Amino acid sequence: MEHFFQCPYCWEEISMILDTSIPIQTYIEDCEVCCNPIELTPNFQGSELVSFSCSSIEQ
């Protein structure tokens, strides 16, 4: 599933493809605009996204 959100570094709207097959996830992806690492935490019930958070990573 494609999900749109705002990068916590550059504030640009970006999108990422989320895997709905794992109910609770936490992983790191780089912003496609500024290339900084973002910690993503999507949670699903079935194939429905019930919560999503993204945060910057202390460097």
C-alpha atoms as a PDB file:
ATOM      1  CA  MET A   1       0.000   0.000   0.000  1.00  0.00           C
ATOM      2  CA  GLU A   2       1.301   3.483  -0.847  1.00  0.00           C
ATOM      3  CA  HIS A   3       1.270   5.964   2.050  1.00  0.00           C
ATOM      4  CA  PHE A   4       1.981   9.710   1.824  1.00  0.00           C
ATOM      5  CA  PHE A   5       3.521  11.619   4.734  1.00  0.00           C
ATOM      6  CA  GLN A   6       5.775  14.576   5.521  1.00  0.00           C
ATOM      7  CA  CYS A   7       9.532  14.066   5.986  1.00  0.00           C
ATOM      8  CA  PRO A   8      10.604  15.092   9.521  1.00  0.00           C
ATOM      9  CA  TYR A   9      13.782  16.687   8.090  1.00  0.00           C
ATOM     10  CA  CYS A  10      12.906  18.559   4.905  1.00  0.00           C
ATOM     11  CA  TRP A  11       9.100  18.733   5.395  1.00  0.00           C
ATOM     12  CA  GLU A  12       8.460  17.596   1.806  1.00  0.00           C
ATOM     13  CA  GLU A  13       5.547  15.258   1.190  1.00  0.00           C
ATOM     14  CA  ILE A  14       6.900  11.848   0.203  1.00  0.00           C
ATOM     15  CA  SER A  15       5.374   8.418  -0.279  1.00  0.00           C
ATOM     16  CA  MET A  16       6.538   4.932   0.534  1.00  0.00           C
ATOM     17  CA  ILE A  17       5.154   1.497  -0.158  1.00  0.00           C
ATOM     18  CA  LEU A  18       4.175  -0.211   3.103  1.00  0.00           C
ATOM     19  CA  ASP A  19       3.973  -3.991   3.547  1.00  0.00           C
ATOM     20  CA  THR A  20       0.507  -4.835   4.930  1.00  0.00           C
ATOM     21  CA  SER A  21       1.423  -8.490   5.637  1.00  0.00           C
ATOM     22  CA  ILE A  22       3.179  -7.672   8.949  1.00  0.00           C
ATOM     23  CA  PRO A  23       0.807  -6.153  11.549  1.00  0.00           C
ATOM     24  CA  ILE A  24       3.346  -4.234  13.684  1.00  0.00           C
ATOM     25  CA  GLN A  25       6.546  -2.908  12.106  1.00  0.00           C
ATOM     26  CA  THR A  26       9.418  -0.519  12.795  1.00  0.00           C
ATOM     27  CA  TYR A  27      12.097   0.096  10.192  1.00  0.00           C
ATOM     28  CA  ILE A  28      14.306   2.796   8.689  1.00  0.00           C
ATOM     29  CA  GLU A  29      14.087   4.198   5.159  1.00  0.00           C
ATOM     30  CA  ASP A  30      15.822   7.189   3.612  1.00  0.00           C
ATOM     31  CA  CYS A  31      13.822  10.199   2.478  1.00  0.00           C
ATOM     32  CA  GLU A  32      13.622  10.229  -1.322  1.00  0.00           C
ATOM     33  CA  VAL A  33      14.129  14.018  -1.334  1.00  0.00           C
ATOM     34  CA  CYS A  34      16.817  14.803   1.279  1.00  0.00           C
ATOM     35  CA  CYS A  35      18.212  11.253   1.826  1.00  0.00           C
ATOM     36  CA  ASN A  36      18.075  11.460   5.642  1.00  0.00           C
ATOM     37  CA  PRO A  37      17.048   8.310   7.558  1.00  0.00           C
ATOM     38  CA  ILE A  38      13.454   8.158   8.813  1.00  0.00           C
ATOM     39  CA  GLU A  39      12.174   5.671  11.386  1.00  0.00           C
ATOM     40  CA  LEU A  40       8.781   4.410  10.216  1.00  0.00           C
ATOM     41  CA  THR A  41       6.260   2.642  12.436  1.00  0.00           C
ATOM     42  CA  PRO A  42       3.145   1.485  10.591  1.00  0.00           C
ATOM     43  CA  ASN A  43       0.557  -0.746  12.294  1.00  0.00           C
ATOM     44  CA  PHE A  44      -2.087  -2.726  10.408  1.00  0.00           C
ATOM     45  CA  GLN A  45      -5.251  -4.640  11.198  1.00  0.00           C
ATOM     46  CA  GLY A  46      -5.731  -6.908   8.239  1.00  0.00           C
ATOM     47  CA  SER A  47      -4.855  -4.745   5.252  1.00  0.00           C
ATOM     48  CA  GLU A  48      -6.029  -1.512   6.930  1.00  0.00           C
ATOM     49  CA  LEU A  49      -3.479   1.001   8.245  1.00  0.00           C
ATOM     50  CA  VAL A  50      -4.601   1.849  11.799  1.00  0.00           C
ATOM     51  CA  SER A  51      -1.636   3.974  12.898  1.00  0.00           C
ATOM     52  CA  PHE A  52       1.499   5.452  11.371  1.00  0.00           C
ATOM     53  CA  SER A  53       4.361   7.471  12.801  1.00  0.00           C
ATOM     54  CA  CYS A  54       7.626   8.706  11.366  1.00  0.00           C
ATOM     55  CA  SER A  55      10.500  10.353  13.178  1.00  0.00           C
ATOM     56  CA  SER A  56      14.000  11.634  12.598  1.00  0.00           C
ATOM     57  CA  ILE A  57      16.955   9.605  13.791  1.00  0.00           C
ATOM     58  CA  GLU A  58      19.542  11.116  16.132  1.00  0.00           C
ATOM     59  CA  GLN A  59      22.863  11.286  14.304  1.00  0.00           C
END
